[in-house]
PDB file of N, CA and C in Angstrom:
ATOM      1  N   MET A   1      -4.340  -4.084  13.701  1.00  0.00           N
ATOM      2  CA  MET A   1      -4.263  -2.704  14.100  1.00  0.00           C
ATOM      3  C   MET A   1      -4.926  -1.861  13.019  1.00  0.00           C
ATOM      4  N   SER A   2      -6.041  -1.285  13.327  1.00  0.00           N
ATOM      5  CA  SER A   2      -6.745  -0.435  12.385  1.00  0.00           C
ATOM      6  C   SER A   2      -6.172   0.974  12.426  1.00  0.00           C
ATOM      7  N   VAL A   3      -6.181   1.617  11.295  1.00  0.00           N
ATOM      8  CA  VAL A   3      -5.607   2.953  11.170  1.00  0.00           C
ATOM      9  C   VAL A   3      -6.718   3.945  10.903  1.00  0.00           C
ATOM     10  N   GLN A   4      -6.678   5.073  11.580  1.00  0.00           N
ATOM     11  CA  GLN A   4      -7.625   6.142  11.307  1.00  0.00           C
ATOM     12  C   GLN A   4      -7.096   6.942  10.118  1.00  0.00           C
ATOM     13  N   VAL A   5      -7.881   7.091   9.098  1.00  0.00           N
ATOM     14  CA  VAL A   5      -7.482   7.820   7.902  1.00  0.00           C
ATOM     15  C   VAL A   5      -8.196   9.157   7.912  1.00  0.00           C
ATOM     16  N   SER A   6      -7.415  10.220   7.790  1.00  0.00           N
ATOM     17  CA  SER A   6      -8.001  11.554   7.878  1.00  0.00           C
ATOM     18  C   SER A   6      -8.781  11.918   6.613  1.00  0.00           C
ATOM     19  N   ASN A   7      -8.374  11.404   5.485  1.00  0.00           N
ATOM     20  CA  ASN A   7      -9.074  11.745   4.249  1.00  0.00           C
ATOM     21  C   ASN A   7     -10.253  10.816   4.039  1.00  0.00           C
ATOM     22  N   ARG A   8     -11.219  11.297   3.301  1.00  0.00           N
ATOM     23  CA  ARG A   8     -12.427  10.496   3.096  1.00  0.00           C
ATOM     24  C   ARG A   8     -12.479   9.848   1.722  1.00  0.00           C
ATOM     25  N   SER A   9     -11.952  10.485   0.697  1.00  0.00           N
ATOM     26  CA  SER A   9     -12.149   9.910  -0.635  1.00  0.00           C
ATOM     27  C   SER A   9     -11.346   8.629  -0.842  1.00  0.00           C
ATOM     28  N   LEU A  10     -10.097   8.566  -0.408  1.00  0.00           N
ATOM     29  CA  LEU A  10      -9.331   7.337  -0.549  1.00  0.00           C
ATOM     30  C   LEU A  10      -9.917   6.250   0.343  1.00  0.00           C
ATOM     31  N   ARG A  11     -10.226   6.603   1.560  1.00  0.00           N
ATOM     32  CA  ARG A  11     -10.836   5.614   2.461  1.00  0.00           C
ATOM     33  C   ARG A  11     -12.143   5.087   1.881  1.00  0.00           C
ATOM     34  N   ALA A  12     -12.963   5.963   1.338  1.00  0.00           N
ATOM     35  CA  ALA A  12     -14.219   5.528   0.735  1.00  0.00           C
ATOM     36  C   ALA A  12     -13.956   4.599  -0.452  1.00  0.00           C
ATOM     37  N   ALA A  13     -12.946   4.929  -1.244  1.00  0.00           N
ATOM     38  CA  ALA A  13     -12.618   4.091  -2.406  1.00  0.00           C
ATOM     39  C   ALA A  13     -12.092   2.726  -1.960  1.00  0.00           C
ATOM     40  N   LEU A  14     -11.268   2.704  -0.918  1.00  0.00           N
ATOM     41  CA  LEU A  14     -10.761   1.434  -0.395  1.00  0.00           C
ATOM     42  C   LEU A  14     -11.903   0.593   0.165  1.00  0.00           C
ATOM     43  N   THR A  15     -12.817   1.247   0.875  1.00  0.00           N
ATOM     44  CA  THR A  15     -13.975   0.543   1.425  1.00  0.00           C
ATOM     45  C   THR A  15     -14.833  -0.033   0.317  1.00  0.00           C
ATOM     46  N   LYS A  16     -15.037   0.744  -0.734  1.00  0.00           N
ATOM     47  CA  LYS A  16     -15.844   0.266  -1.859  1.00  0.00           C
ATOM     48  C   LYS A  16     -15.165  -0.914  -2.562  1.00  0.00           C
ATOM     49  N   ALA A  17     -13.869  -0.833  -2.750  1.00  0.00           N
ATOM     50  CA  ALA A  17     -13.144  -1.877  -3.483  1.00  0.00           C
ATOM     51  C   ALA A  17     -13.000  -3.176  -2.688  1.00  0.00           C
ATOM     52  N   TRP A  18     -12.823  -3.085  -1.370  1.00  0.00           N
ATOM     53  CA  TRP A  18     -12.565  -4.270  -0.553  1.00  0.00           C
ATOM     54  C   TRP A  18     -13.706  -4.624   0.388  1.00  0.00           C
ATOM     55  N   GLY A  19     -14.745  -3.823   0.435  1.00  0.00           N
ATOM     56  CA  GLY A  19     -15.847  -4.097   1.349  1.00  0.00           C
ATOM     57  C   GLY A  19     -15.689  -3.388   2.682  1.00  0.00           C
ATOM     58  N   SER A  20     -14.445  -3.131   3.086  1.00  0.00           N
ATOM     59  CA  SER A  20     -14.157  -2.349   4.284  1.00  0.00           C
ATOM     60  C   SER A  20     -12.697  -1.908   4.235  1.00  0.00           C
ATOM     61  N   PHE A  21     -12.413  -0.820   4.915  1.00  0.00           N
ATOM     62  CA  PHE A  21     -11.030  -0.356   4.997  1.00  0.00           C
ATOM     63  C   PHE A  21     -10.167  -1.417   5.679  1.00  0.00           C
ATOM     64  N   GLU A  22     -10.706  -2.050   6.710  1.00  0.00           N
ATOM     65  CA  GLU A  22      -9.963  -3.059   7.453  1.00  0.00           C
ATOM     66  C   GLU A  22      -9.606  -4.266   6.575  1.00  0.00           C
ATOM     67  N   THR A  23     -10.507  -4.656   5.685  1.00  0.00           N
ATOM     68  CA  THR A  23     -10.214  -5.768   4.777  1.00  0.00           C
ATOM     69  C   THR A  23      -9.082  -5.392   3.830  1.00  0.00           C
ATOM     70  N   TRP A  24      -9.104  -4.151   3.306  1.00  0.00           N
ATOM     71  CA  TRP A  24      -7.992  -3.699   2.461  1.00  0.00           C
ATOM     72  C   TRP A  24      -6.687  -3.729   3.254  1.00  0.00           C
ATOM     73  N   GLU A  25      -6.715  -3.172   4.467  1.00  0.00           N
ATOM     74  CA  GLU A  25      -5.497  -3.102   5.279  1.00  0.00           C
ATOM     75  C   GLU A  25      -4.934  -4.497   5.544  1.00  0.00           C
ATOM     76  N   LYS A  26      -5.784  -5.454   5.869  1.00  0.00           N
ATOM     77  CA  LYS A  26      -5.329  -6.832   6.103  1.00  0.00           C
ATOM     78  C   LYS A  26      -4.678  -7.405   4.856  1.00  0.00           C
ATOM     79  N   ASP A  27      -5.271  -7.155   3.687  1.00  0.00           N
ATOM     80  CA  ASP A  27      -4.713  -7.656   2.433  1.00  0.00           C
ATOM     81  C   ASP A  27      -3.353  -7.014   2.154  1.00  0.00           C
ATOM     82  N   PHE A  28      -3.247  -5.709   2.353  1.00  0.00           N
ATOM     83  CA  PHE A  28      -1.991  -4.995   2.122  1.00  0.00           C
ATOM     84  C   PHE A  28      -0.911  -5.533   3.067  1.00  0.00           C
ATOM     85  N   ARG A  29      -1.245  -5.665   4.344  1.00  0.00           N
ATOM     86  CA  ARG A  29      -0.295  -6.183   5.332  1.00  0.00           C
ATOM     87  C   ARG A  29       0.098  -7.629   5.008  1.00  0.00           C
ATOM     88  N   ARG A  30      -0.876  -8.453   4.662  1.00  0.00           N
ATOM     89  CA  ARG A  30      -0.608  -9.863   4.349  1.00  0.00           C
ATOM     90  C   ARG A  30       0.342  -9.975   3.153  1.00  0.00           C
ATOM     91  N   THR A  31       0.145  -9.124   2.175  1.00  0.00           N
ATOM     92  CA  THR A  31       1.048  -9.122   1.027  1.00  0.00           C
ATOM     93  C   THR A  31       2.452  -8.766   1.474  1.00  0.00           C
ATOM     94  N   GLY A  32       2.587  -7.758   2.327  1.00  0.00           N
ATOM     95  CA  GLY A  32       3.895  -7.378   2.849  1.00  0.00           C
ATOM     96  C   GLY A  32       4.541  -8.480   3.663  1.00  0.00           C
ATOM     97  N   LEU A  33       3.774  -9.121   4.519  1.00  0.00           N
ATOM     98  CA  LEU A  33       4.328 -10.189   5.344  1.00  0.00           C
ATOM     99  C   LEU A  33       4.747 -11.395   4.522  1.00  0.00           C
ATOM    100  N   SER A  34       4.081 -11.611   3.400  1.00  0.00           N
ATOM    101  CA  SER A  34       4.475 -12.737   2.550  1.00  0.00           C
ATOM    102  C   SER A  34       5.857 -12.502   1.936  1.00  0.00           C
ATOM    103  N   LEU A  35       6.301 -11.238   1.925  1.00  0.00           N
ATOM    104  CA  LEU A  35       7.616 -10.905   1.385  1.00  0.00           C
ATOM    105  C   LEU A  35       8.687 -10.783   2.459  1.00  0.00           C
ATOM    106  N   ALA A  36       8.307 -10.822   3.724  1.00  0.00           N
ATOM    107  CA  ALA A  36       9.251 -10.594   4.816  1.00  0.00           C
ATOM    108  C   ALA A  36      10.459 -11.516   4.688  1.00  0.00           C
ATOM    109  N   GLY A  37      11.612 -10.920   4.779  1.00  0.00           N
ATOM    110  CA  GLY A  37      12.837 -11.679   4.626  1.00  0.00           C
ATOM    111  C   GLY A  37      13.199 -11.882   3.175  1.00  0.00           C
ATOM    112  N   GLY A  38      12.338 -11.437   2.296  1.00  0.00           N
ATOM    113  CA  GLY A  38      12.589 -11.563   0.871  1.00  0.00           C
ATOM    114  C   GLY A  38      12.890 -10.212   0.278  1.00  0.00           C
ATOM    115  N   SER A  39      12.281  -9.952  -0.828  1.00  0.00           N
ATOM    116  CA  SER A  39      12.527  -8.660  -1.454  1.00  0.00           C
ATOM    117  C   SER A  39      11.294  -8.218  -2.214  1.00  0.00           C
ATOM    118  N   GLY A  40      11.129  -6.925  -2.261  1.00  0.00           N
ATOM    119  CA  GLY A  40      10.048  -6.389  -3.042  1.00  0.00           C
ATOM    120  C   GLY A  40       9.345  -5.224  -2.379  1.00  0.00           C
ATOM    121  N   TRP A  41       8.316  -4.803  -3.040  1.00  0.00           N
ATOM    122  CA  TRP A  41       7.485  -3.691  -2.610  1.00  0.00           C
ATOM    123  C   TRP A  41       6.034  -4.135  -2.616  1.00  0.00           C
ATOM    124  N   VAL A  42       5.252  -3.615  -1.682  1.00  0.00           N
ATOM    125  CA  VAL A  42       3.809  -3.763  -1.732  1.00  0.00           C
ATOM    126  C   VAL A  42       3.282  -2.409  -2.190  1.00  0.00           C
ATOM    127  N   ILE A  43       2.454  -2.427  -3.200  1.00  0.00           N
ATOM    128  CA  ILE A  43       1.983  -1.175  -3.788  1.00  0.00           C
ATOM    129  C   ILE A  43       0.464  -1.181  -3.882  1.00  0.00           C
ATOM    130  N   LEU A  44      -0.135  -0.109  -3.383  1.00  0.00           N
ATOM    131  CA  LEU A  44      -1.539   0.162  -3.649  1.00  0.00           C
ATOM    132  C   LEU A  44      -1.541   1.056  -4.872  1.00  0.00           C
ATOM    133  N   ALA A  45      -2.146   0.587  -5.940  1.00  0.00           N
ATOM    134  CA  ALA A  45      -2.133   1.341  -7.194  1.00  0.00           C
ATOM    135  C   ALA A  45      -3.545   1.524  -7.732  1.00  0.00           C
ATOM    136  N   TYR A  46      -3.716   2.620  -8.442  1.00  0.00           N
ATOM    137  CA  TYR A  46      -4.964   2.891  -9.153  1.00  0.00           C
ATOM    138  C   TYR A  46      -4.734   2.525 -10.606  1.00  0.00           C
ATOM    139  N   ASN A  47      -5.547   1.612 -11.131  1.00  0.00           N
ATOM    140  CA  ASN A  47      -5.402   1.170 -12.516  1.00  0.00           C
ATOM    141  C   ASN A  47      -6.164   2.140 -13.420  1.00  0.00           C
ATOM    142  N   LEU A  48      -5.442   2.804 -14.312  1.00  0.00           N
ATOM    143  CA  LEU A  48      -6.042   3.785 -15.206  1.00  0.00           C
ATOM    144  C   LEU A  48      -6.988   3.152 -16.215  1.00  0.00           C
ATOM    145  N   HIS A  49      -6.749   1.890 -16.545  1.00  0.00           N
ATOM    146  CA  HIS A  49      -7.595   1.206 -17.534  1.00  0.00           C
ATOM    147  C   HIS A  49      -8.923   0.751 -16.916  1.00  0.00           C
ATOM    148  N   THR A  50      -8.827   0.090 -15.759  1.00  0.00           N
ATOM    149  CA  THR A  50     -10.041  -0.455 -15.136  1.00  0.00           C
ATOM    150  C   THR A  50     -10.678   0.519 -14.144  1.00  0.00           C
ATOM    151  N   ARG A  51      -9.965   1.609 -13.847  1.00  0.00           N
ATOM    152  CA  ARG A  51     -10.423   2.614 -12.865  1.00  0.00           C
ATOM    153  C   ARG A  51     -10.725   1.958 -11.519  1.00  0.00           C
ATOM    154  N   SER A  52      -9.779   1.142 -11.065  1.00  0.00           N
ATOM    155  CA  SER A  52      -9.954   0.445  -9.799  1.00  0.00           C
ATOM    156  C   SER A  52      -8.643   0.407  -9.021  1.00  0.00           C
ATOM    157  N   LEU A  53      -8.756   0.196  -7.725  1.00  0.00           N
ATOM    158  CA  LEU A  53      -7.599   0.095  -6.840  1.00  0.00           C
ATOM    159  C   LEU A  53      -7.193  -1.363  -6.681  1.00  0.00           C
ATOM    160  N   HIS A  54      -5.895  -1.599  -6.601  1.00  0.00           N
ATOM    161  CA  HIS A  54      -5.363  -2.954  -6.438  1.00  0.00           C
ATOM    162  C   HIS A  54      -4.125  -2.920  -5.564  1.00  0.00           C
ATOM    163  N   ASN A  55      -3.960  -3.931  -4.727  1.00  0.00           N
ATOM    164  CA  ASN A  55      -2.694  -4.173  -4.047  1.00  0.00           C
ATOM    165  C   ASN A  55      -1.906  -5.133  -4.915  1.00  0.00           C
ATOM    166  N   HIS A  56      -0.627  -4.872  -5.054  1.00  0.00           N
ATOM    167  CA  HIS A  56       0.201  -5.832  -5.777  1.00  0.00           C
ATOM    168  C   HIS A  56       1.618  -5.804  -5.244  1.00  0.00           C
ATOM    169  N   TRP A  57       2.361  -6.804  -5.630  1.00  0.00           N
ATOM    170  CA  TRP A  57       3.747  -6.964  -5.237  1.00  0.00           C
ATOM    171  C   TRP A  57       4.620  -6.654  -6.446  1.00  0.00           C
ATOM    172  N   ALA A  58       5.662  -5.865  -6.208  1.00  0.00           N
ATOM    173  CA  ALA A  58       6.657  -5.595  -7.262  1.00  0.00           C
ATOM    174  C   ALA A  58       7.992  -6.100  -6.735  1.00  0.00           C
ATOM    175  N   TRP A  59       8.622  -6.978  -7.464  1.00  0.00           N
ATOM    176  CA  TRP A  59       9.843  -7.592  -6.951  1.00  0.00           C
ATOM    177  C   TRP A  59      11.089  -6.761  -7.178  1.00  0.00           C
ATOM    178  N   ASP A  60      11.000  -5.704  -7.953  1.00  0.00           N
ATOM    179  CA  ASP A  60      12.154  -4.821  -8.102  1.00  0.00           C
ATOM    180  C   ASP A  60      11.684  -3.425  -8.481  1.00  0.00           C
ATOM    181  N   HIS A  61      12.617  -2.561  -8.780  1.00  0.00           N
ATOM    182  CA  HIS A  61      12.295  -1.166  -9.067  1.00  0.00           C
ATOM    183  C   HIS A  61      11.876  -0.937 -10.518  1.00  0.00           C
ATOM    184  N   MET A  62      11.900  -1.967 -11.319  1.00  0.00           N
ATOM    185  CA  MET A  62      11.612  -1.798 -12.742  1.00  0.00           C
ATOM    186  C   MET A  62      10.293  -2.412 -13.177  1.00  0.00           C
ATOM    187  N   HIS A  63       9.633  -3.141 -12.314  1.00  0.00           N
ATOM    188  CA  HIS A  63       8.409  -3.837 -12.706  1.00  0.00           C
ATOM    189  C   HIS A  63       7.250  -3.410 -11.827  1.00  0.00           C
ATOM    190  N   GLY A  64       6.144  -3.119 -12.445  1.00  0.00           N
ATOM    191  CA  GLY A  64       4.938  -2.749 -11.724  1.00  0.00           C
ATOM    192  C   GLY A  64       3.729  -3.168 -12.523  1.00  0.00           C
ATOM    193  N   ALA A  65       2.585  -2.912 -11.962  1.00  0.00           N
ATOM    194  CA  ALA A  65       1.343  -3.273 -12.645  1.00  0.00           C
ATOM    195  C   ALA A  65       1.137  -2.376 -13.863  1.00  0.00           C
ATOM    196  N   ALA A  66       0.770  -2.972 -14.967  1.00  0.00           N
ATOM    197  CA  ALA A  66       0.494  -2.206 -16.178  1.00  0.00           C
ATOM    198  C   ALA A  66      -0.643  -1.235 -15.915  1.00  0.00           C
ATOM    199  N   ALA A  67      -0.484  -0.017 -16.333  1.00  0.00           N
ATOM    200  CA  ALA A  67      -1.477   1.053 -16.191  1.00  0.00           C
ATOM    201  C   ALA A  67      -1.740   1.414 -14.734  1.00  0.00           C
ATOM    202  N   GLY A  68      -0.849   1.012 -13.829  1.00  0.00           N
ATOM    203  CA  GLY A  68      -1.042   1.301 -12.413  1.00  0.00           C
ATOM    204  C   GLY A  68      -0.326   2.558 -11.969  1.00  0.00           C
ATOM    205  N   VAL A  69      -1.046   3.437 -11.285  1.00  0.00           N
ATOM    206  CA  VAL A  69      -0.465   4.639 -10.697  1.00  0.00           C
ATOM    207  C   VAL A  69      -0.304   4.377  -9.199  1.00  0.00           C
ATOM    208  N   PRO A  70       0.933   4.352  -8.683  1.00  0.00           N
ATOM    209  CA  PRO A  70       1.131   4.074  -7.257  1.00  0.00           C
ATOM    210  C   PRO A  70       0.483   5.134  -6.369  1.00  0.00           C
ATOM    211  N   ILE A  71      -0.237   4.671  -5.368  1.00  0.00           N
ATOM    212  CA  ILE A  71      -0.848   5.546  -4.367  1.00  0.00           C
ATOM    213  C   ILE A  71      -0.058   5.418  -3.061  1.00  0.00           C
ATOM    214  N   LEU A  72       0.236   4.193  -2.656  1.00  0.00           N
ATOM    215  CA  LEU A  72       1.071   3.898  -1.494  1.00  0.00           C
ATOM    216  C   LEU A  72       2.074   2.825  -1.878  1.00  0.00           C
ATOM    217  N   ALA A  73       3.277   2.926  -1.325  1.00  0.00           N
ATOM    218  CA  ALA A  73       4.288   1.894  -1.549  1.00  0.00           C
ATOM    219  C   ALA A  73       4.963   1.566  -0.224  1.00  0.00           C
ATOM    220  N   LEU A  74       5.135   0.288   0.033  1.00  0.00           N
ATOM    221  CA  LEU A  74       5.803  -0.179   1.236  1.00  0.00           C
ATOM    222  C   LEU A  74       7.016  -0.993   0.819  1.00  0.00           C
ATOM    223  N   ASP A  75       8.183  -0.500   1.184  1.00  0.00           N
ATOM    224  CA  ASP A  75       9.440  -1.193   0.905  1.00  0.00           C
ATOM    225  C   ASP A  75       9.563  -2.343   1.890  1.00  0.00           C
ATOM    226  N   ILE A  76       9.585  -3.562   1.397  1.00  0.00           N
ATOM    227  CA  ILE A  76       9.680  -4.723   2.273  1.00  0.00           C
ATOM    228  C   ILE A  76      10.961  -5.504   1.998  1.00  0.00           C
ATOM    229  N   TYR A  77      11.918  -4.844   1.324  1.00  0.00           N
ATOM    230  CA  TYR A  77      13.248  -5.444   1.206  1.00  0.00           C
ATOM    231  C   TYR A  77      13.837  -5.567   2.601  1.00  0.00           C
ATOM    232  N   GLU A  78      14.587  -6.604   2.835  1.00  0.00           N
ATOM    233  CA  GLU A  78      15.162  -6.845   4.157  1.00  0.00           C
ATOM    234  C   GLU A  78      15.923  -5.630   4.694  1.00  0.00           C
ATOM    235  N   HIS A  79      16.632  -4.921   3.830  1.00  0.00           N
ATOM    236  CA  HIS A  79      17.426  -3.782   4.306  1.00  0.00           C
ATOM    237  C   HIS A  79      16.564  -2.668   4.885  1.00  0.00           C
ATOM    238  N   SER A  80      15.289  -2.634   4.552  1.00  0.00           N
ATOM    239  CA  SER A  80      14.420  -1.553   5.019  1.00  0.00           C
ATOM    240  C   SER A  80      14.009  -1.722   6.480  1.00  0.00           C
ATOM    241  N   PHE A  81      14.084  -2.928   7.013  1.00  0.00           N
ATOM    242  CA  PHE A  81      13.608  -3.132   8.386  1.00  0.00           C
ATOM    243  C   PHE A  81      14.531  -3.940   9.275  1.00  0.00           C
ATOM    244  N   HIS A  82      15.439  -4.692   8.721  1.00  0.00           N
ATOM    245  CA  HIS A  82      16.188  -5.665   9.508  1.00  0.00           C
ATOM    246  C   HIS A  82      17.038  -5.038  10.608  1.00  0.00           C
ATOM    247  N   MET A  83      17.648  -3.898  10.367  1.00  0.00           N
ATOM    248  CA  MET A  83      18.497  -3.265  11.386  1.00  0.00           C
ATOM    249  C   MET A  83      17.689  -2.863  12.619  1.00  0.00           C
ATOM    250  N   ASP A  84      16.468  -2.379  12.420  1.00  0.00           N
ATOM    251  CA  ASP A  84      15.639  -1.927  13.535  1.00  0.00           C
ATOM    252  C   ASP A  84      14.703  -3.005  14.080  1.00  0.00           C
ATOM    253  N   TYR A  85      14.247  -3.908  13.229  1.00  0.00           N
ATOM    254  CA  TYR A  85      13.211  -4.859  13.631  1.00  0.00           C
ATOM    255  C   TYR A  85      13.637  -6.323  13.547  1.00  0.00           C
ATOM    256  N   GLY A  86      14.831  -6.574  13.079  1.00  0.00           N
ATOM    257  CA  GLY A  86      15.269  -7.961  12.925  1.00  0.00           C
ATOM    258  C   GLY A  86      14.328  -8.714  12.015  1.00  0.00           C
ATOM    259  N   THR A  87      13.885  -9.861  12.474  1.00  0.00           N
ATOM    260  CA  THR A  87      12.983 -10.683  11.664  1.00  0.00           C
ATOM    261  C   THR A  87      11.516 -10.338  11.888  1.00  0.00           C
ATOM    262  N   GLN A  88      11.254  -9.296  12.670  1.00  0.00           N
ATOM    263  CA  GLN A  88       9.876  -8.948  13.018  1.00  0.00           C
ATOM    264  C   GLN A  88       9.297  -7.937  12.023  1.00  0.00           C
ATOM    265  N   ALA A  89       9.079  -8.406  10.822  1.00  0.00           N
ATOM    266  CA  ALA A  89       8.565  -7.544   9.760  1.00  0.00           C
ATOM    267  C   ALA A  89       7.200  -6.956  10.103  1.00  0.00           C
ATOM    268  N   ALA A  90       6.396  -7.682  10.861  1.00  0.00           N
ATOM    269  CA  ALA A  90       5.062  -7.170  11.222  1.00  0.00           C
ATOM    270  C   ALA A  90       5.175  -5.877  12.026  1.00  0.00           C
ATOM    271  N   LYS A  91       6.160  -5.786  12.906  1.00  0.00           N
ATOM    272  CA  LYS A  91       6.352  -4.558  13.682  1.00  0.00           C
ATOM    273  C   LYS A  91       6.791  -3.410  12.776  1.00  0.00           C
ATOM    274  N   TYR A  92       7.592  -3.718  11.786  1.00  0.00           N
ATOM    275  CA  TYR A  92       7.995  -2.706  10.797  1.00  0.00           C
ATOM    276  C   TYR A  92       6.763  -2.198  10.032  1.00  0.00           C
ATOM    277  N   ILE A  93       5.911  -3.104   9.607  1.00  0.00           N
ATOM    278  CA  ILE A  93       4.698  -2.717   8.886  1.00  0.00           C
ATOM    279  C   ILE A  93       3.791  -1.883   9.780  1.00  0.00           C
ATOM    280  N   ASP A  94       3.670  -2.269  11.058  1.00  0.00           N
ATOM    281  CA  ASP A  94       2.898  -1.464  12.008  1.00  0.00           C
ATOM    282  C   ASP A  94       3.441  -0.038  12.065  1.00  0.00           C
ATOM    283  N   ALA A  95       4.755   0.102  12.173  1.00  0.00           N
ATOM    284  CA  ALA A  95       5.378   1.429  12.250  1.00  0.00           C
ATOM    285  C   ALA A  95       5.127   2.220  10.972  1.00  0.00           C
ATOM    286  N   CYS A  96       5.200   1.562   9.849  1.00  0.00           N
ATOM    287  CA  CYS A  96       4.927   2.249   8.572  1.00  0.00           C
ATOM    288  C   CYS A  96       3.497   2.768   8.540  1.00  0.00           C
ATOM    289  N   PHE A  97       2.548   1.958   8.967  1.00  0.00           N
ATOM    290  CA  PHE A  97       1.153   2.393   8.970  1.00  0.00           C
ATOM    291  C   PHE A  97       0.929   3.559   9.921  1.00  0.00           C
ATOM    292  N   ARG A  98       1.626   3.554  11.058  1.00  0.00           N
ATOM    293  CA  ARG A  98       1.486   4.668  11.998  1.00  0.00           C
ATOM    294  C   ARG A  98       2.025   5.968  11.412  1.00  0.00           C
ATOM    295  N   ASN A  99       2.916   5.872  10.446  1.00  0.00           N
ATOM    296  CA  ASN A  99       3.575   7.056   9.906  1.00  0.00           C
ATOM    297  C   ASN A  99       3.179   7.411   8.483  1.00  0.00           C
ATOM    298  N   LEU A 100       2.165   6.740   7.942  1.00  0.00           N
ATOM    299  CA  LEU A 100       1.720   7.059   6.586  1.00  0.00           C
ATOM    300  C   LEU A 100       1.160   8.479   6.514  1.00  0.00           C
ATOM    301  N   ASP A 101       1.486   9.157   5.444  1.00  0.00           N
ATOM    302  CA  ASP A 101       0.946  10.498   5.189  1.00  0.00           C
ATOM    303  C   ASP A 101      -0.306  10.311   4.334  1.00  0.00           C
ATOM    304  N   TRP A 102      -1.446  10.151   5.006  1.00  0.00           N
ATOM    305  CA  TRP A 102      -2.693   9.871   4.308  1.00  0.00           C
ATOM    306  C   TRP A 102      -3.152  11.043   3.448  1.00  0.00           C
ATOM    307  N   GLU A 103      -2.806  12.249   3.823  1.00  0.00           N
ATOM    308  CA  GLU A 103      -3.170  13.408   2.990  1.00  0.00           C
ATOM    309  C   GLU A 103      -2.435  13.344   1.658  1.00  0.00           C
ATOM    310  N   ALA A 104      -1.166  12.971   1.681  1.00  0.00           N
ATOM    311  CA  ALA A 104      -0.406  12.823   0.430  1.00  0.00           C
ATOM    312  C   ALA A 104      -0.989  11.680  -0.409  1.00  0.00           C
ATOM    313  N   ALA A 105      -1.351  10.578   0.240  1.00  0.00           N
ATOM    314  CA  ALA A 105      -1.952   9.456  -0.489  1.00  0.00           C
ATOM    315  C   ALA A 105      -3.272   9.874  -1.112  1.00  0.00           C
ATOM    316  N   ASP A 106      -4.048  10.657  -0.387  1.00  0.00           N
ATOM    317  CA  ASP A 106      -5.318  11.129  -0.921  1.00  0.00           C
ATOM    318  C   ASP A 106      -5.096  12.039  -2.132  1.00  0.00           C
ATOM    319  N   ARG A 107      -4.076  12.878  -2.080  1.00  0.00           N
ATOM    320  CA  ARG A 107      -3.762  13.735  -3.239  1.00  0.00           C
ATOM    321  C   ARG A 107      -3.347  12.891  -4.446  1.00  0.00           C
ATOM    322  N   ARG A 108      -2.509  11.868  -4.209  1.00  0.00           N
ATOM    323  CA  ARG A 108      -2.098  10.994  -5.318  1.00  0.00           C
ATOM    324  C   ARG A 108      -3.300  10.269  -5.909  1.00  0.00           C
ATOM    325  N   TYR A 109      -4.195   9.815  -5.047  1.00  0.00           N
ATOM    326  CA  TYR A 109      -5.404   9.138  -5.525  1.00  0.00           C
ATOM    327  C   TYR A 109      -6.260  10.101  -6.358  1.00  0.00           C
ATOM    328  N   ALA A 110      -6.459  11.304  -5.859  1.00  0.00           N
ATOM    329  CA  ALA A 110      -7.255  12.290  -6.596  1.00  0.00           C
ATOM    330  C   ALA A 110      -6.622  12.611  -7.949  1.00  0.00           C
ATOM    331  N   GLN A 111      -5.316  12.724  -7.995  1.00  0.00           N
ATOM    332  CA  GLN A 111      -4.622  12.989  -9.259  1.00  0.00           C
ATOM    333  C   GLN A 111      -4.784  11.812 -10.222  1.00  0.00           C
ATOM    334  N   ALA A 112      -4.668  10.599  -9.693  1.00  0.00           N
ATOM    335  CA  ALA A 112      -4.798   9.411 -10.553  1.00  0.00           C
ATOM    336  C   ALA A 112      -6.210   9.316 -11.119  1.00  0.00           C
ATOM    337  N   VAL A 113      -7.207   9.527 -10.278  1.00  0.00           N
ATOM    338  CA  VAL A 113      -8.603   9.472 -10.735  1.00  0.00           C
ATOM    339  C   VAL A 113      -8.851  10.581 -11.762  1.00  0.00           C
ATOM    340  N   GLY A 114      -8.258  11.731 -11.538  1.00  0.00           N
ATOM    341  CA  GLY A 114      -8.419  12.858 -12.468  1.00  0.00           C
ATOM    342  C   GLY A 114      -7.755  12.621 -13.816  1.00  0.00           C
ATOM    343  N   ALA A 115      -6.818  11.664 -13.862  1.00  0.00           N
ATOM    344  CA  ALA A 115      -6.111  11.384 -15.110  1.00  0.00           C
ATOM    345  C   ALA A 115      -6.911  10.475 -16.024  1.00  0.00           C
ATOM    346  N   THR A 116      -8.005   9.889 -15.523  1.00  0.00           N
ATOM    347  CA  THR A 116      -8.780   8.965 -16.363  1.00  0.00           C
ATOM    348  C   THR A 116      -9.915   9.664 -17.060  1.00  0.00           C
TER     349      THR A 116
END
């Protein structure tokens, strides 16, 4: 399921980093699905040191990528989806993507890039 992104700078950066927005989205979703039934967060972060975007997994609230500024975060702890989606984490991820505030993500990305 491809998502239309209203902002251009984050989408352009994702396309540049992954070759296409769809490739980034597949990687982000795949990371989330690998955690389904487990625990953790999937985070799209901007690395202040390398000035690049990365998807990564954080297994708790205290650990994240060094020098990473979160742009998007997806809670994939079981409690975040199990009541509404049961074991169907993919449907939960679909719903999250349909409800992402891309303008807010674009602002966070612009702020992170401006900090370097």
